[in-house]
């Protein structure tokens, strides 16, 4: 675990979303913090994927086939990924731990 300016950061986390599925990642429940730097990688060579953060009131955004999108400069608690039918979607995130957490022991995904 790295500490920067008294902010506890966990090692970067990675979640694979299977082809043709929807996955809602709850960073507080699964990784004991919030995400600040996220990279979404569309591994599907033929289909776009959609994603949204901030809940269902926010619009879905699209990532073209074989493309990458970065989300920086915001705090993300929930991230919805709708993977394409032809390939997985990879999500990599840097997590700032909840200050009440003394150690990060995320569940296996």
C-alpha atoms as a PDB file:
ATOM      1  CA  UNK A   1       0.000   0.000   0.000  1.00  0.00           C
ATOM      2  CA  UNK A   2       1.307   3.471  -0.911  1.00  0.00           C
ATOM      3  CA  UNK A   3       0.663   6.577   1.134  1.00  0.00           C
ATOM      4  CA  UNK A   4       0.795   9.955  -0.627  1.00  0.00           C
ATOM      5  CA  UNK A   5       0.069  13.088   1.434  1.00  0.00           C
ATOM      6  CA  UNK A   6      -1.733  10.963   4.042  1.00  0.00           C
ATOM      7  CA  UNK A   7      -4.037   9.491   1.369  1.00  0.00           C
ATOM      8  CA  UNK A   8      -3.973   5.709   1.311  1.00  0.00           C
ATOM      9  CA  UNK A   9      -3.835   4.262  -2.187  1.00  0.00           C
ATOM     10  CA  UNK A  10      -4.351   0.583  -2.897  1.00  0.00           C
ATOM     11  CA  UNK A  11      -2.446  -1.189  -5.640  1.00  0.00           C
ATOM     12  CA  UNK A  12      -4.241  -0.702  -8.984  1.00  0.00           C
ATOM     13  CA  UNK A  13      -7.179  -3.077  -9.429  1.00  0.00           C
ATOM     14  CA  UNK A  14      -8.327  -4.850 -12.586  1.00  0.00           C
ATOM     15  CA  UNK A  15     -11.790  -6.205 -13.413  1.00  0.00           C
ATOM     16  CA  UNK A  16     -12.585  -8.255 -16.545  1.00  0.00           C
ATOM     17  CA  UNK A  17     -16.165  -8.029 -17.793  1.00  0.00           C
ATOM     18  CA  UNK A  18     -17.114 -11.074 -19.917  1.00  0.00           C
ATOM     19  CA  UNK A  19     -18.386 -10.586 -23.470  1.00  0.00           C
ATOM     20  CA  UNK A  20     -22.090  -9.827 -23.791  1.00  0.00           C
ATOM     21  CA  UNK A  21     -22.637  -9.048 -20.100  1.00  0.00           C
ATOM     22  CA  UNK A  22     -23.416  -6.037 -17.939  1.00  0.00           C
ATOM     23  CA  UNK A  23     -21.369  -5.485 -14.796  1.00  0.00           C
ATOM     24  CA  UNK A  24     -21.815  -2.790 -12.161  1.00  0.00           C
ATOM     25  CA  UNK A  25     -18.606  -2.278 -10.215  1.00  0.00           C
ATOM     26  CA  UNK A  26     -19.095  -0.830  -6.736  1.00  0.00           C
ATOM     27  CA  UNK A  27     -15.663   0.451  -5.732  1.00  0.00           C
ATOM     28  CA  UNK A  28     -16.617   1.043  -2.053  1.00  0.00           C
ATOM     29  CA  UNK A  29     -18.096  -2.453  -1.632  1.00  0.00           C
ATOM     30  CA  UNK A  30     -15.549  -4.395  -3.670  1.00  0.00           C
ATOM     31  CA  UNK A  31     -12.326  -2.439  -3.133  1.00  0.00           C
ATOM     32  CA  UNK A  32     -12.951  -0.400   0.052  1.00  0.00           C
ATOM     33  CA  UNK A  33     -12.612   3.046  -1.512  1.00  0.00           C
ATOM     34  CA  UNK A  34     -13.357   5.214  -4.530  1.00  0.00           C
ATOM     35  CA  UNK A  35     -11.713   5.229  -7.947  1.00  0.00           C
ATOM     36  CA  UNK A  36      -9.937   8.346  -9.165  1.00  0.00           C
ATOM     37  CA  UNK A  37      -8.120   7.126 -12.256  1.00  0.00           C
ATOM     38  CA  UNK A  38      -9.911   4.583 -14.451  1.00  0.00           C
ATOM     39  CA  UNK A  39      -8.995   3.083 -17.784  1.00  0.00           C
ATOM     40  CA  UNK A  40     -11.654   1.153 -19.733  1.00  0.00           C
ATOM     41  CA  UNK A  41     -10.314  -1.090 -22.496  1.00  0.00           C
ATOM     42  CA  UNK A  42     -12.699  -2.469 -25.123  1.00  0.00           C
ATOM     43  CA  UNK A  43     -11.159  -5.796 -26.175  1.00  0.00           C
ATOM     44  CA  UNK A  44     -13.983  -6.444 -28.670  1.00  0.00           C
ATOM     45  CA  UNK A  45     -12.652  -5.975 -32.197  1.00  0.00           C
ATOM     46  CA  UNK A  46     -16.076  -5.556 -33.818  1.00  0.00           C
ATOM     47  CA  UNK A  47     -18.516  -4.009 -31.329  1.00  0.00           C
ATOM     48  CA  UNK A  48     -18.693  -0.825 -29.297  1.00  0.00           C
ATOM     49  CA  UNK A  49     -19.317  -1.000 -25.558  1.00  0.00           C
ATOM     50  CA  UNK A  50     -21.198   1.399 -23.309  1.00  0.00           C
ATOM     51  CA  UNK A  51     -20.440   2.619 -19.824  1.00  0.00           C
ATOM     52  CA  UNK A  52     -21.680   5.125 -17.277  1.00  0.00           C
ATOM     53  CA  UNK A  53     -20.677   6.302 -13.844  1.00  0.00           C
ATOM     54  CA  UNK A  54     -22.669   8.241 -11.297  1.00  0.00           C
ATOM     55  CA  UNK A  55     -25.798   6.087 -11.400  1.00  0.00           C
ATOM     56  CA  UNK A  56     -28.664   5.503 -13.797  1.00  0.00           C
ATOM     57  CA  UNK A  57     -29.482   9.195 -14.058  1.00  0.00           C
ATOM     58  CA  UNK A  58     -26.306   9.685 -16.098  1.00  0.00           C
ATOM     59  CA  UNK A  59     -26.263   8.959 -19.850  1.00  0.00           C
ATOM     60  CA  UNK A  60     -24.568   5.907 -21.317  1.00  0.00           C
ATOM     61  CA  UNK A  61     -21.367   6.716 -23.167  1.00  0.00           C
ATOM     62  CA  UNK A  62     -19.861   4.636 -25.947  1.00  0.00           C
ATOM     63  CA  UNK A  63     -16.348   3.321 -26.597  1.00  0.00           C
ATOM     64  CA  UNK A  64     -15.695   2.119 -30.169  1.00  0.00           C
ATOM     65  CA  UNK A  65     -14.316  -1.346 -30.943  1.00  0.00           C
ATOM     66  CA  UNK A  66     -10.689  -1.924 -29.865  1.00  0.00           C
ATOM     67  CA  UNK A  67     -10.478   1.453 -28.113  1.00  0.00           C
ATOM     68  CA  UNK A  68      -9.536   2.789 -24.691  1.00  0.00           C
ATOM     69  CA  UNK A  69     -11.175   5.489 -22.564  1.00  0.00           C
ATOM     70  CA  UNK A  70      -9.695   7.150 -19.484  1.00  0.00           C
ATOM     71  CA  UNK A  71     -11.716   8.735 -16.684  1.00  0.00           C
ATOM     72  CA  UNK A  72      -9.660  11.151 -14.587  1.00  0.00           C
ATOM     73  CA  UNK A  73     -10.302  14.099 -12.313  1.00  0.00           C
ATOM     74  CA  UNK A  74     -13.440  12.733 -10.691  1.00  0.00           C
ATOM     75  CA  UNK A  75     -14.483  10.421  -7.874  1.00  0.00           C
ATOM     76  CA  UNK A  76     -16.245   7.264  -9.041  1.00  0.00           C
ATOM     77  CA  UNK A  77     -18.162   4.979  -6.713  1.00  0.00           C
ATOM     78  CA  UNK A  78     -20.242   3.013  -9.254  1.00  0.00           C
ATOM     79  CA  UNK A  79     -19.255   2.099 -12.814  1.00  0.00           C
ATOM     80  CA  UNK A  80     -21.597   0.262 -15.184  1.00  0.00           C
ATOM     81  CA  UNK A  81     -20.019  -1.604 -18.115  1.00  0.00           C
ATOM     82  CA  UNK A  82     -22.036  -3.170 -20.956  1.00  0.00           C
ATOM     83  CA  UNK A  83     -19.537  -5.357 -22.829  1.00  0.00           C
ATOM     84  CA  UNK A  84     -19.878  -6.129 -26.525  1.00  0.00           C
ATOM     85  CA  UNK A  85     -20.836  -9.586 -27.756  1.00  0.00           C
ATOM     86  CA  UNK A  86     -17.447 -10.342 -29.323  1.00  0.00           C
ATOM     87  CA  UNK A  87     -14.939  -9.658 -26.555  1.00  0.00           C
ATOM     88  CA  UNK A  88     -14.254  -8.774 -22.957  1.00  0.00           C
ATOM     89  CA  UNK A  89     -13.901  -5.325 -21.434  1.00  0.00           C
ATOM     90  CA  UNK A  90     -11.038  -4.608 -19.033  1.00  0.00           C
ATOM     91  CA  UNK A  91     -11.307  -1.992 -16.291  1.00  0.00           C
ATOM     92  CA  UNK A  92      -8.182  -0.799 -14.496  1.00  0.00           C
ATOM     93  CA  UNK A  93      -8.522   1.650 -11.606  1.00  0.00           C
ATOM     94  CA  UNK A  94      -6.506   3.412  -8.931  1.00  0.00           C
ATOM     95  CA  UNK A  95      -8.415   3.328  -5.646  1.00  0.00           C
ATOM     96  CA  UNK A  96      -8.211   5.812  -2.784  1.00  0.00           C
ATOM     97  CA  UNK A  97      -9.014   3.798   0.309  1.00  0.00           C
ATOM     98  CA  UNK A  98     -11.689   4.806   2.758  1.00  0.00           C
ATOM     99  CA  UNK A  99      -9.778   6.388   5.673  1.00  0.00           C
ATOM    100  CA  UNK A 100     -11.565   4.054   8.102  1.00  0.00           C
ATOM    101  CA  UNK A 101      -9.959   1.082   6.335  1.00  0.00           C
ATOM    102  CA  UNK A 102      -6.677  -0.110   7.765  1.00  0.00           C
ATOM    103  CA  UNK A 103      -5.967  -2.755   5.130  1.00  0.00           C
ATOM    104  CA  UNK A 104      -7.357  -3.459   1.694  1.00  0.00           C
ATOM    105  CA  UNK A 105      -8.541  -7.016   1.226  1.00  0.00           C
ATOM    106  CA  UNK A 106     -10.755  -6.914  -1.880  1.00  0.00           C
ATOM    107  CA  UNK A 107     -12.914  -9.826  -2.824  1.00  0.00           C
ATOM    108  CA  UNK A 108     -11.720 -11.981  -5.703  1.00  0.00           C
ATOM    109  CA  UNK A 109     -13.292 -11.100  -9.010  1.00  0.00           C
END
